[in-house]
Amino acid sequence: MKKIIILLVLILSSCGIEYEGETKIVIKGKVVDSDNNPIINKEVNLFVTRESSGFPFIFYSPSEENNIGKATTNSKGEYIMVIPQPKNNFTEIIVETNSSNNTLNPKQYRNIQLKDFLNYELNLPISKLYHKSDLSQLSITPNNINLNNELKNIELLGLVANELEFINLPENYYPYYQINTSVKKNQTIIARYTVLNHSTNITSIVDENIMIDNSNQTNYTLNY
């Protein structure tokens, strides 16, 4: 029998989020290391949040006030969380694996919505955690060399930590969120970006190779 630790804490007065008392929703997932081995006894936290009027969506920081679910991974790296279903007065559900104070990188799945649940259940993608010592911070600086061009999207292909992943892109999502992220050292990352030329109305997809060495910081200028 799987060992599952579930802790539900409701602090309704502080966060102002309402819940369906009789209806429960289930979130399942798995946590592995960079070699796809299961990580056991890893704490996973779930937050239900409302966007603050004073801060943009992306900068919301989960706190104990809106932490309503905790689970611990079993011998297969799997976890299950059961929480009361929130009503429609919330912005997003966040699932966070690991913390920034650990030797492994943190991981968040953001902007989970009720529509993502099938029969009250959601299976999240596998969370892959890397040792921080194996990661380089990749910083891409977009440089517009053609004023007719507009950078529409950037996708990184390779061994990328993906510390922040959106299940649903928020309305104010900005493609440049991809330009500062952690990637595994000693590899070649492909930066696949989309450019719209307003003079020709042609959209192009371009691949550029970025060499990642053993340094902790990698800076790259992307000319478009």
Protein backbone atom coordinates (compact mmCIF):
# COMPACT_ATOMS: atom_id res chain seq x y z
CA MET A 1 0.00 0.00 0.00
CA LYS A 2 1.35 3.38 -0.95
CA LYS A 3 2.37 5.63 1.86
CA ILE A 4 0.52 8.88 1.43
CA ILE A 5 0.63 11.82 3.78
CA ILE A 6 -2.17 14.30 3.30
CA LEU A 7 -2.60 17.45 5.31
CA LEU A 8 -5.46 19.83 4.73
CA VAL A 9 -5.37 23.25 6.29
CA LEU A 10 -8.07 25.81 5.56
CA ILE A 11 -7.48 29.40 6.49
CA LEU A 12 -10.57 30.91 4.95
CA SER A 13 -10.57 34.16 6.86
CA SER A 14 -7.10 35.20 5.71
CA CYS A 15 -7.20 34.27 2.03
CA GLY A 16 -10.93 34.84 1.43
CA ILE A 17 -11.27 31.81 -0.84
CA GLU A 18 -14.44 29.74 -0.54
CA TYR A 19 -14.59 25.97 -0.91
CA GLU A 20 -17.17 23.33 -1.75
CA GLY A 21 -17.36 21.48 1.56
CA GLU A 22 -18.60 18.14 0.18
CA THR A 23 -16.68 18.07 -3.12
CA LYS A 24 -13.06 16.94 -3.21
CA ILE A 25 -10.55 17.12 -6.06
CA VAL A 26 -7.46 14.92 -6.49
CA ILE A 27 -4.04 15.88 -7.83
CA LYS A 28 -1.48 13.18 -8.67
CA GLY A 29 2.14 13.49 -9.75
CA LYS A 30 5.63 12.04 -9.68
CA VAL A 31 9.06 13.47 -8.79
CA VAL A 32 12.30 12.15 -10.33
CA ASP A 33 15.94 13.18 -10.52
CA SER A 34 17.90 14.08 -13.66
CA ASP A 35 18.44 10.35 -14.38
CA ASN A 36 14.69 9.66 -14.05
CA ASN A 37 15.11 7.86 -10.73
CA PRO A 38 12.23 8.40 -8.28
CA ILE A 39 12.87 10.85 -5.44
CA ILE A 40 11.34 9.52 -2.23
CA ASN A 41 10.15 11.41 0.85
CA LYS A 42 10.02 14.70 -1.05
CA GLU A 43 7.44 17.17 0.22
CA VAL A 44 4.99 18.61 -2.30
CA ASN A 45 2.80 21.60 -1.46
CA LEU A 46 -0.43 22.88 -2.98
CA PHE A 47 -1.61 26.48 -2.85
CA VAL A 48 -4.91 28.05 -3.86
CA THR A 49 -4.40 31.75 -4.48
CA ARG A 50 -6.09 34.94 -5.48
CA GLU A 51 -4.24 37.54 -7.52
CA SER A 52 -3.33 40.60 -5.51
CA SER A 53 -4.37 43.86 -7.12
CA GLY A 54 -0.96 45.29 -6.27
CA PHE A 55 1.21 42.66 -7.93
CA PRO A 56 1.28 41.08 -11.39
CA PHE A 57 0.18 37.44 -11.71
CA ILE A 58 3.65 36.07 -12.29
CA PHE A 59 5.16 37.51 -9.11
CA TYR A 60 2.66 35.98 -6.68
CA SER A 61 4.57 34.21 -3.93
CA PRO A 62 2.81 31.22 -2.30
CA SER A 63 2.68 31.41 1.48
CA GLU A 64 1.45 29.41 4.45
CA GLU A 65 -1.78 31.41 4.35
CA ASN A 66 -2.92 29.72 1.15
CA ASN A 67 -1.14 26.37 1.57
CA ILE A 68 -4.05 23.92 1.83
CA GLY A 69 -2.41 20.65 0.78
CA LYS A 70 0.79 18.73 1.53
CA ALA A 71 1.95 15.30 0.41
CA THR A 72 5.15 13.24 0.55
CA THR A 73 6.40 11.11 -2.33
CA ASN A 74 6.43 7.34 -1.85
CA SER A 75 9.02 4.75 -2.92
CA LYS A 76 8.06 5.30 -6.58
CA GLY A 77 8.35 9.06 -6.31
CA GLU A 78 4.57 9.40 -6.59
CA TYR A 79 2.26 11.62 -4.57
CA ILE A 80 -1.47 12.21 -4.20
CA MET A 81 -3.20 15.25 -2.75
CA VAL A 82 -6.89 15.59 -1.98
CA ILE A 83 -8.33 19.04 -1.29
CA PRO A 84 -11.81 20.54 -1.09
CA GLN A 85 -12.82 22.02 -4.42
CA PRO A 86 -12.46 25.80 -4.39
CA LYS A 87 -15.31 27.91 -5.70
CA ASN A 88 -14.77 30.35 -8.54
CA ASN A 89 -13.34 33.20 -6.45
CA PHE A 90 -9.70 32.08 -6.88
CA THR A 91 -7.02 32.89 -9.45
CA GLU A 92 -4.98 29.70 -9.66
CA ILE A 93 -3.95 26.44 -8.06
CA ILE A 94 -0.18 26.03 -7.64
CA VAL A 95 1.70 22.79 -6.98
CA GLU A 96 5.22 23.31 -5.69
CA THR A 97 7.89 20.63 -5.36
CA ASN A 98 10.97 21.33 -3.28
CA SER A 99 12.08 24.69 -1.94
CA SER A 100 14.85 27.08 -2.93
CA ASN A 101 16.77 26.16 0.24
CA ASN A 102 17.43 22.61 -0.92
CA THR A 103 20.35 21.17 -2.93
CA LEU A 104 17.85 20.44 -5.72
CA ASN A 105 16.13 23.07 -7.82
CA PRO A 106 12.52 24.05 -7.00
CA LYS A 107 9.62 23.29 -9.34
CA GLN A 108 6.20 24.90 -9.68
CA TYR A 109 3.16 24.09 -11.80
CA ARG A 110 1.16 27.31 -12.07
CA ASN A 111 -2.29 28.42 -13.19
CA ILE A 112 -4.06 25.12 -12.66
CA GLN A 113 -7.81 25.61 -13.14
CA LEU A 114 -10.87 23.48 -12.37
CA LYS A 115 -11.38 22.82 -16.08
CA ASP A 116 -8.13 20.81 -16.06
CA PHE A 117 -9.68 18.13 -13.82
CA LEU A 118 -11.35 15.11 -15.41
CA ASN A 119 -13.86 13.52 -13.05
CA TYR A 120 -12.34 15.64 -10.24
CA GLU A 121 -8.84 14.25 -10.90
CA LEU A 122 -5.70 15.79 -12.43
CA ASN A 123 -2.46 14.00 -13.34
CA LEU A 124 0.40 16.49 -13.51
CA PRO A 125 3.49 16.02 -15.72
CA ILE A 126 6.51 14.41 -14.07
CA SER A 127 8.57 16.87 -12.04
CA LYS A 128 12.27 16.46 -12.82
CA LEU A 129 14.64 17.98 -10.27
CA TYR A 130 18.33 18.72 -10.88
CA HIS A 131 21.16 19.25 -8.43
CA LYS A 132 21.83 22.97 -8.32
CA SER A 133 25.56 22.34 -8.71
CA ASP A 134 24.80 20.80 -12.13
CA LEU A 135 22.89 23.85 -13.36
CA SER A 136 23.91 27.01 -15.15
CA GLN A 137 21.73 30.11 -15.06
CA LEU A 138 20.96 30.94 -18.68
CA SER A 139 20.21 34.60 -19.36
CA ILE A 140 19.13 35.48 -22.90
CA THR A 141 19.11 39.13 -23.96
CA PRO A 142 16.79 39.76 -26.95
CA ASN A 143 18.31 42.33 -29.32
CA ASN A 144 16.00 43.77 -31.97
CA ILE A 145 18.16 44.43 -35.08
CA ASN A 146 15.19 44.77 -37.43
CA LEU A 147 12.48 47.18 -36.30
CA ASN A 148 9.94 45.36 -38.48
CA ASN A 149 10.41 42.20 -36.44
CA GLU A 150 8.48 41.31 -33.31
CA LEU A 151 9.62 38.48 -31.06
CA LYS A 152 6.54 36.38 -30.34
CA ASN A 153 7.84 33.36 -28.46
CA ILE A 154 10.97 31.61 -27.19
CA GLU A 155 11.21 27.87 -26.50
CA LEU A 156 14.28 26.17 -25.06
CA LEU A 157 15.01 22.60 -26.19
CA GLY A 158 17.42 20.49 -24.18
CA LEU A 159 18.00 19.64 -20.53
CA VAL A 160 16.14 22.56 -18.97
CA ALA A 161 15.13 22.70 -15.30
CA ASN A 162 11.79 24.37 -16.16
CA GLU A 163 11.37 25.61 -12.62
CA LEU A 164 8.15 27.39 -13.57
CA GLU A 165 5.60 25.72 -15.85
CA PHE A 166 2.11 26.98 -16.67
CA ILE A 167 -0.64 24.40 -17.08
CA ASN A 168 -2.61 27.27 -18.66
CA LEU A 169 -0.86 30.37 -19.96
CA PRO A 170 -2.15 33.43 -18.07
CA GLU A 171 -3.69 36.29 -20.01
CA ASN A 172 -0.70 38.52 -19.30
CA TYR A 173 1.85 35.83 -20.18
CA TYR A 174 4.98 37.32 -21.70
CA PRO A 175 7.20 35.06 -23.85
CA TYR A 176 10.32 36.60 -22.34
CA TYR A 177 9.71 34.58 -19.16
CA GLN A 178 11.74 31.87 -20.89
CA ILE A 179 14.89 33.99 -21.16
CA ASN A 180 16.08 33.53 -17.57
CA THR A 181 16.09 29.91 -16.51
CA SER A 182 18.32 27.12 -15.24
CA VAL A 183 19.78 24.58 -17.67
CA LYS A 184 22.09 21.62 -17.21
CA LYS A 185 25.77 22.34 -17.70
CA ASN A 186 27.88 20.96 -20.57
CA GLN A 187 25.30 20.71 -23.33
CA THR A 188 23.94 22.53 -26.38
CA ILE A 189 20.58 24.21 -25.88
CA ILE A 190 18.41 25.06 -28.88
CA ALA A 191 16.64 28.40 -28.61
CA ARG A 192 13.63 28.10 -30.91
CA TYR A 193 12.02 31.48 -31.34
CA THR A 194 9.15 32.87 -33.41
CA VAL A 195 9.44 36.21 -35.19
CA LEU A 196 6.67 38.15 -36.92
CA ASN A 197 7.80 40.56 -39.64
CA HIS A 198 5.20 43.32 -39.78
CA SER A 199 6.26 44.59 -43.20
CA THR A 200 5.74 41.21 -44.91
CA ASN A 201 3.29 39.72 -42.38
CA ILE A 202 5.44 36.58 -42.44
CA THR A 203 6.01 34.54 -39.29
CA SER A 204 9.31 32.66 -39.09
CA ILE A 205 10.54 30.01 -36.66
CA VAL A 206 14.29 30.12 -36.10
CA ASP A 207 16.61 27.74 -34.19
CA GLU A 208 19.83 28.95 -32.61
CA ASN A 209 22.35 26.80 -30.76
CA ILE A 210 23.54 28.00 -27.36
CA MET A 211 26.63 26.31 -25.97
CA ILE A 212 26.44 25.73 -22.23
CA ASP A 213 29.78 25.05 -20.57
CA ASN A 214 30.62 24.26 -16.95
CA SER A 215 30.16 27.80 -15.63
CA ASN A 216 27.38 28.81 -13.27
CA GLN A 217 26.19 31.66 -15.51
CA THR A 218 25.62 31.67 -19.26
CA ASN A 219 24.80 34.93 -21.08
CA TYR A 220 23.55 34.96 -24.66
CA THR A 221 22.41 37.74 -27.00
CA LEU A 222 19.63 36.75 -29.36
CA ASN A 223 19.51 38.97 -32.46
CA TYR A 224 16.22 39.03 -34.28
